[in-house]
Amino acid sequence: MGQRIKNNFQKRFGDHIHVIYAEHSTVTEKEILKTRLCEAIAMVLSGILGREPTQRELLGIDDLSRIKKRK
């Protein structure tokens, strides 16, 4: 990332994002974490796009940089 992008990211999110990884977790815990992570990614993309992302967009098949936000 360029310096300007890093500065903007730091100003907007700064100390608001914290990631804590468990040292040991069960299969069930890992599955729950994966599910929550997928839901979070879908919510972020929904906020950016202004609509629910399609399955192809979530999987990275369709290029999101060319899609315009709907109002």
C-alpha atoms as a PDB file:
ATOM      1  CA  MET A   1       0.000   0.000   0.000  1.00  0.00           C
ATOM      2  CA  GLY A   2       1.066   3.524  -0.671  1.00  0.00           C
ATOM      3  CA  GLN A   3       1.808   5.913   2.172  1.00  0.00           C
ATOM      4  CA  ARG A   4      -1.383   7.922   1.584  1.00  0.00           C
ATOM      5  CA  ILE A   5      -3.550   4.791   1.761  1.00  0.00           C
ATOM      6  CA  LYS A   6      -1.812   3.689   4.963  1.00  0.00           C
ATOM      7  CA  ASN A   7      -2.362   7.094   6.546  1.00  0.00           C
ATOM      8  CA  ASN A   8      -6.055   7.121   5.599  1.00  0.00           C
ATOM      9  CA  PHE A   9      -6.509   3.598   6.943  1.00  0.00           C
ATOM     10  CA  GLN A  10      -4.771   4.538  10.188  1.00  0.00           C
ATOM     11  CA  LYS A  11      -6.932   7.662  10.608  1.00  0.00           C
ATOM     12  CA  ARG A  12     -10.176   5.788  10.005  1.00  0.00           C
ATOM     13  CA  PHE A  13      -9.538   2.565  11.868  1.00  0.00           C
ATOM     14  CA  GLY A  14      -6.501   3.258  14.074  1.00  0.00           C
ATOM     15  CA  ASP A  15      -6.882   1.264  17.258  1.00  0.00           C
ATOM     16  CA  HIS A  16     -10.397   0.026  16.521  1.00  0.00           C
ATOM     17  CA  ILE A  17      -9.381  -3.287  14.959  1.00  0.00           C
ATOM     18  CA  HIS A  18      -7.929  -5.983  17.195  1.00  0.00           C
ATOM     19  CA  VAL A  19      -7.163  -9.536  16.116  1.00  0.00           C
ATOM     20  CA  ILE A  20      -6.578 -12.187  18.762  1.00  0.00           C
ATOM     21  CA  TYR A  21      -5.725 -15.735  17.749  1.00  0.00           C
ATOM     22  CA  ALA A  22      -6.272 -18.677  20.062  1.00  0.00           C
ATOM     23  CA  GLU A  23      -3.243 -20.860  20.657  1.00  0.00           C
ATOM     24  CA  HIS A  24      -5.253 -24.064  20.853  1.00  0.00           C
ATOM     25  CA  SER A  25      -8.764 -24.484  19.562  1.00  0.00           C
ATOM     26  CA  THR A  26     -11.097 -27.361  18.888  1.00  0.00           C
ATOM     27  CA  VAL A  27     -12.545 -28.240  15.509  1.00  0.00           C
ATOM     28  CA  THR A  28     -15.879 -26.749  16.542  1.00  0.00           C
ATOM     29  CA  GLU A  29     -14.261 -23.469  17.606  1.00  0.00           C
ATOM     30  CA  LYS A  30     -12.356 -23.270  14.324  1.00  0.00           C
ATOM     31  CA  GLU A  31     -15.560 -23.837  12.365  1.00  0.00           C
ATOM     32  CA  ILE A  32     -17.370 -21.106  14.313  1.00  0.00           C
ATOM     33  CA  LEU A  33     -14.496 -18.678  13.732  1.00  0.00           C
ATOM     34  CA  LYS A  34     -14.439 -19.444  10.010  1.00  0.00           C
ATOM     35  CA  THR A  35     -18.189 -18.883   9.793  1.00  0.00           C
ATOM     36  CA  ARG A  36     -17.954 -15.559  11.631  1.00  0.00           C
ATOM     37  CA  LEU A  37     -15.066 -14.453   9.431  1.00  0.00           C
ATOM     38  CA  CYS A  38     -17.031 -15.261   6.267  1.00  0.00           C
ATOM     39  CA  GLU A  39     -20.035 -13.343   7.595  1.00  0.00           C
ATOM     40  CA  ALA A  40     -17.823 -10.351   8.452  1.00  0.00           C
ATOM     41  CA  ILE A  41     -16.301 -10.315   4.964  1.00  0.00           C
ATOM     42  CA  ALA A  42     -19.769 -10.439   3.401  1.00  0.00           C
ATOM     43  CA  MET A  43     -20.924  -7.556   5.635  1.00  0.00           C
ATOM     44  CA  VAL A  44     -17.912  -5.418   4.682  1.00  0.00           C
ATOM     45  CA  LEU A  45     -18.486  -6.068   0.985  1.00  0.00           C
ATOM     46  CA  SER A  46     -22.185  -5.252   1.442  1.00  0.00           C
ATOM     47  CA  GLY A  47     -21.235  -1.919   2.963  1.00  0.00           C
ATOM     48  CA  ILE A  48     -18.815  -1.122   0.173  1.00  0.00           C
ATOM     49  CA  LEU A  49     -21.104  -2.212  -2.660  1.00  0.00           C
ATOM     50  CA  GLY A  50     -24.332  -0.910  -1.145  1.00  0.00           C
ATOM     51  CA  ARG A  51     -25.993  -4.301  -1.782  1.00  0.00           C
ATOM     52  CA  GLU A  52     -25.471  -7.952  -0.995  1.00  0.00           C
ATOM     53  CA  PRO A  53     -22.457  -9.389  -2.863  1.00  0.00           C
ATOM     54  CA  THR A  54     -23.065 -12.272  -5.225  1.00  0.00           C
ATOM     55  CA  GLN A  55     -21.520 -15.688  -4.709  1.00  0.00           C
ATOM     56  CA  ARG A  56     -19.103 -15.044  -7.580  1.00  0.00           C
ATOM     57  CA  GLU A  57     -18.000 -11.769  -5.964  1.00  0.00           C
ATOM     58  CA  LEU A  58     -17.473 -13.465  -2.601  1.00  0.00           C
ATOM     59  CA  LEU A  59     -15.387 -16.194  -4.220  1.00  0.00           C
ATOM     60  CA  GLY A  60     -13.262 -13.652  -6.089  1.00  0.00           C
ATOM     61  CA  ILE A  61     -14.369 -14.772  -9.532  1.00  0.00           C
ATOM     62  CA  ASP A  62     -15.880 -11.401 -10.487  1.00  0.00           C
ATOM     63  CA  ASP A  63     -13.635  -8.336 -10.323  1.00  0.00           C
ATOM     64  CA  LEU A  64     -15.000  -5.902  -7.715  1.00  0.00           C
ATOM     65  CA  SER A  65     -12.805  -3.019  -8.842  1.00  0.00           C
ATOM     66  CA  ARG A  66     -14.949  -2.547 -11.963  1.00  0.00           C
ATOM     67  CA  ILE A  67     -18.341  -2.682 -10.221  1.00  0.00           C
ATOM     68  CA  LYS A  68     -19.985   0.641  -9.459  1.00  0.00           C
ATOM     69  CA  LYS A  69     -21.883   1.196  -6.228  1.00  0.00           C
ATOM     70  CA  ARG A  70     -25.675   1.292  -6.558  1.00  0.00           C
ATOM     71  CA  LYS A  71     -27.570   4.055  -4.798  1.00  0.00           C
END
